Structure formats: structure tokens, C-alpha cells
C-alpha atoms as a PDB file:
ATOM      1  CA  MET A   1    -146.328  76.139 -19.595  1.00  0.00           C
ATOM      2  CA  GLY A   2    -147.507  75.373 -23.146  1.00  0.00           C
ATOM      3  CA  LYS A   3    -149.996  72.785 -24.176  1.00  0.00           C
ATOM      4  CA  LYS A   4    -148.548  69.345 -24.926  1.00  0.00           C
ATOM      5  CA  ASP A   5    -148.365  68.371 -28.595  1.00  0.00           C
ATOM      6  CA  LYS A   6    -150.670  65.364 -29.043  1.00  0.00           C
ATOM      7  CA  SER A   7    -150.554  65.179 -32.848  1.00  0.00           C
ATOM      8  CA  GLY A   8    -148.124  62.607 -34.189  1.00  0.00           C
ATOM      9  CA  LYS A   9    -147.257  61.455 -30.681  1.00  0.00           C
ATOM     10  CA  ILE A  10    -143.857  59.789 -30.456  1.00  0.00           C
ATOM     11  CA  PRO A  11    -143.878  56.525 -28.462  1.00  0.00           C
ATOM     12  CA  SER A  12    -141.744  56.489 -25.322  1.00  0.00           C
ATOM     13  CA  PRO A  13    -138.302  54.847 -25.620  1.00  0.00           C
ATOM     14  CA  CYS A  14    -139.350  52.450 -22.853  1.00  0.00           C
ATOM     15  CA  ILE A  15    -139.672  48.863 -24.092  1.00  0.00           C
ATOM     16  CA  ASP A  16    -140.934  47.516 -20.754  1.00  0.00           C
ATOM     17  CA  ILE A  17    -137.753  45.805 -19.579  1.00  0.00           C
ATOM     18  CA  CYS A  18    -136.984  48.308 -16.796  1.00  0.00           C
ATOM     19  CA  LYS A  19    -134.004  46.572 -15.207  1.00  0.00           C
ATOM     20  CA  ASP A  20    -131.671  48.895 -13.347  1.00  0.00           C
ATOM     21  CA  LYS A  21    -127.910  48.756 -13.636  1.00  0.00           C
ATOM     22  CA  HIS A  22    -125.947  51.576 -12.012  1.00  0.00           C
ATOM     23  CA  GLY A  23    -128.960  53.904 -12.165  1.00  0.00           C
ATOM     24  CA  ARG A  24    -129.811  53.285 -15.830  1.00  0.00           C
ATOM     25  CA  CYS A  25    -132.195  50.879 -17.523  1.00  0.00           C
ATOM     26  CA  ILE A  26    -130.306  48.050 -19.221  1.00  0.00           C
ATOM     27  CA  ALA A  27    -132.643  48.214 -22.229  1.00  0.00           C
ATOM     28  CA  CYS A  28    -133.240  51.881 -23.107  1.00  0.00           C
ATOM     29  CA  GLY A  29    -130.320  53.409 -21.189  1.00  0.00           C
ATOM     30  CA  ARG A  30    -132.474  56.016 -19.473  1.00  0.00           C
ATOM     31  CA  ASP A  31    -132.383  57.024 -15.815  1.00  0.00           C
ATOM     32  CA  LYS A  32    -135.218  58.404 -13.667  1.00  0.00           C
ATOM     33  CA  ASP A  33    -134.503  61.987 -14.738  1.00  0.00           C
ATOM     34  CA  ASP A  34    -134.706  60.971 -18.405  1.00  0.00           C
ATOM     35  CA  VAL A  35    -138.086  59.315 -17.798  1.00  0.00           C
ATOM     36  CA  ARG A  36    -139.370  62.469 -16.075  1.00  0.00           C
ATOM     37  CA  SER A  37    -138.063  64.630 -18.916  1.00  0.00           C
ATOM     38  CA  TRP A  38    -139.990  62.525 -21.435  1.00  0.00           C
ATOM     39  CA  LYS A  39    -143.214  62.783 -19.448  1.00  0.00           C
ATOM     40  CA  HIS A  40    -142.878  66.556 -19.114  1.00  0.00           C
ATOM     41  CA  ALA A  41    -141.735  67.305 -22.672  1.00  0.00           C
ATOM     42  CA  ASP A  42    -144.023  69.965 -24.150  1.00  0.00           C
ATOM     43  CA  SER A  43    -143.403  69.243 -27.816  1.00  0.00           C
ATOM     44  CA  SER A  44    -142.487  66.591 -30.342  1.00  0.00           C
ATOM     45  CA  GLU A  45    -139.215  68.471 -30.883  1.00  0.00           C
ATOM     46  CA  GLU A  46    -138.228  67.940 -27.231  1.00  0.00           C
ATOM     47  CA  ARG A  47    -139.161  64.269 -27.426  1.00  0.00           C
ATOM     48  CA  LEU A  48    -137.159  63.826 -30.633  1.00  0.00           C
ATOM     49  CA  LYS A  49    -134.110  65.239 -28.849  1.00  0.00           C
ATOM     50  CA  LEU A  50    -134.648  62.825 -25.954  1.00  0.00           C
ATOM     51  CA  LEU A  51    -135.067  59.921 -28.395  1.00  0.00           C
ATOM     52  CA  VAL A  52    -131.751  60.784 -30.077  1.00  0.00           C
ATOM     53  CA  GLU A  53    -130.090  60.819 -26.642  1.00  0.00           C
ATOM     54  CA  CYS A  54    -131.596  57.397 -25.934  1.00  0.00           C
ATOM     55  CA  ILE A  55    -130.193  56.027 -29.197  1.00  0.00           C
ATOM     56  CA  ALA A  56    -126.729  57.296 -28.288  1.00  0.00           C
ATOM     57  CA  ARG A  57    -126.941  55.807 -24.772  1.00  0.00           C
ATOM     58  CA  THR A  58    -127.985  52.378 -26.019  1.00  0.00           C
ATOM     59  CA  GLU A  59    -124.997  52.492 -28.377  1.00  0.00           C
ATOM     60  CA  GLU A  60    -122.727  53.244 -25.394  1.00  0.00           C
ATOM     61  CA  ILE A  61    -124.079  50.421 -23.231  1.00  0.00           C
ATOM     62  CA  GLY A  62    -124.245  47.881 -26.050  1.00  0.00           C
ATOM     63  CA  THR A  63    -128.010  47.350 -26.215  1.00  0.00           C
ATOM     64  CA  LYS A  64    -128.734  49.419 -29.329  1.00  0.00           C
ATOM     65  CA  ALA A  65    -129.588  46.563 -31.716  1.00  0.00           C
ATOM     66  CA  PHE A  66    -131.889  44.889 -29.177  1.00  0.00           C
ATOM     67  CA  TRP A  67    -133.519  48.169 -28.127  1.00  0.00           C
ATOM     68  CA  GLU A  68    -134.070  49.303 -31.737  1.00  0.00           C
ATOM     69  CA  ARG A  69    -135.698  45.985 -32.672  1.00  0.00           C
ATOM     70  CA  GLU A  70    -138.052  46.161 -29.689  1.00  0.00           C
ATOM     71  CA  TYR A  71    -138.775  49.873 -30.177  1.00  0.00           C
ATOM     72  CA  ARG A  72    -139.691  49.255 -33.832  1.00  0.00           C
ATOM     73  CA  ARG A  73    -142.010  46.464 -32.673  1.00  0.00           C
ATOM     74  CA  LYS A  74    -143.601  48.824 -30.141  1.00  0.00           C
ATOM     75  CA  CYS A  75    -144.137  51.554 -32.761  1.00  0.00           C
ATOM     76  CA  LYS A  76    -145.721  49.054 -35.168  1.00  0.00           C
ATOM     77  CA  LYS A  77    -148.021  47.713 -32.429  1.00  0.00           C
ATOM     78  CA  LYS A  78    -149.140  51.280 -31.606  1.00  0.00           C
ATOM     79  CA  GLY A  79    -149.575  52.166 -35.286  1.00  0.00           C
ATOM     80  CA  ALA A  80    -146.996  54.951 -34.911  1.00  0.00           C
ATOM     81  CA  THR A  81    -144.340  55.932 -37.415  1.00  0.00           C
ATOM     82  CA  CYS A  82    -140.951  54.720 -36.195  1.00  0.00           C
ATOM     83  CA  LEU A  83    -138.506  57.599 -36.452  1.00  0.00           C
ATOM     84  CA  LEU A  84    -135.306  55.628 -35.831  1.00  0.00           C
ATOM     85  CA  ASP A  85    -134.196  55.620 -39.466  1.00  0.00           C
ATOM     86  CA  ASP A  86    -134.460  59.418 -39.553  1.00  0.00           C
ATOM     87  CA  PHE A  87    -131.710  59.680 -36.925  1.00  0.00           C
ATOM     88  CA  SER A  88    -129.119  57.302 -38.357  1.00  0.00           C
ATOM     89  CA  ALA A  89    -127.416  60.051 -40.379  1.00  0.00           C
ATOM     90  CA  ALA A  90    -127.536  62.522 -37.465  1.00  0.00           C
ATOM     91  CA  LEU A  91    -125.594  60.338 -35.036  1.00  0.00           C
ATOM     92  CA  PRO A  92    -121.811  60.232 -35.041  1.00  0.00           C
ATOM     93  CA  ALA A  93    -120.303  57.001 -36.283  1.00  0.00           C
ATOM     94  CA  LYS A  94    -118.825  54.830 -33.545  1.00  0.00           C
ATOM     95  CA  PRO A  95    -115.032  54.685 -33.900  1.00  0.00           C
ATOM     96  CA  ILE A  96    -113.651  51.279 -34.835  1.00  0.00           C
ATOM     97  CA  GLY A  97    -110.949  49.824 -32.621  1.00  0.00           C
END
């Protein structure tokens, strides 16, 4: 297995709410497998993919605005660049109605 990429580390999608509803966190939308995948990701590219999946899940469960606000706060606190704006164009628009 390759060495983990430590440069430009992407903060975890976890915002320390960790309340379970039907096997998924009510804040970040991840399940236990998603958390393990993040911990074992070998590169920033893998983590970016997982972050995009998290954004889509929070949209599905209706916590996206709350999660994004808290994730931005977490990134700022850690002094990390928040990559959420980079993904807005990559995600499909939610159908209206």
C-alpha cells in the first residue's frame, strides 16, 4: 500500500455531531464504511471523491446547508483551505418540484 499523502490534508467531513439515523450520521450523511474509507484513503484524490459523495448525501437527507456551514467553520479553525466551493459546479443540480 502507498504512503498516505500528508501535504494539503483535507479535513474529515465529520463535524462532531455523530447522531445515527438508519445507519447514517444525521449531520454528514456518512455510515461506518464511509468513515473507514476516509481513514484508509491513500491520497487527496480519494478523499476529494469521498468529500463529493458526502456533499451529495447531505443534499439527499436535507442537512447540506447546516453541514456546509459547520464544515467551513471546521476548515477555518484548522487553517485548512475549504474545498466546498470547488465542487459546486461538479454536482448535479437538484430537480425542482
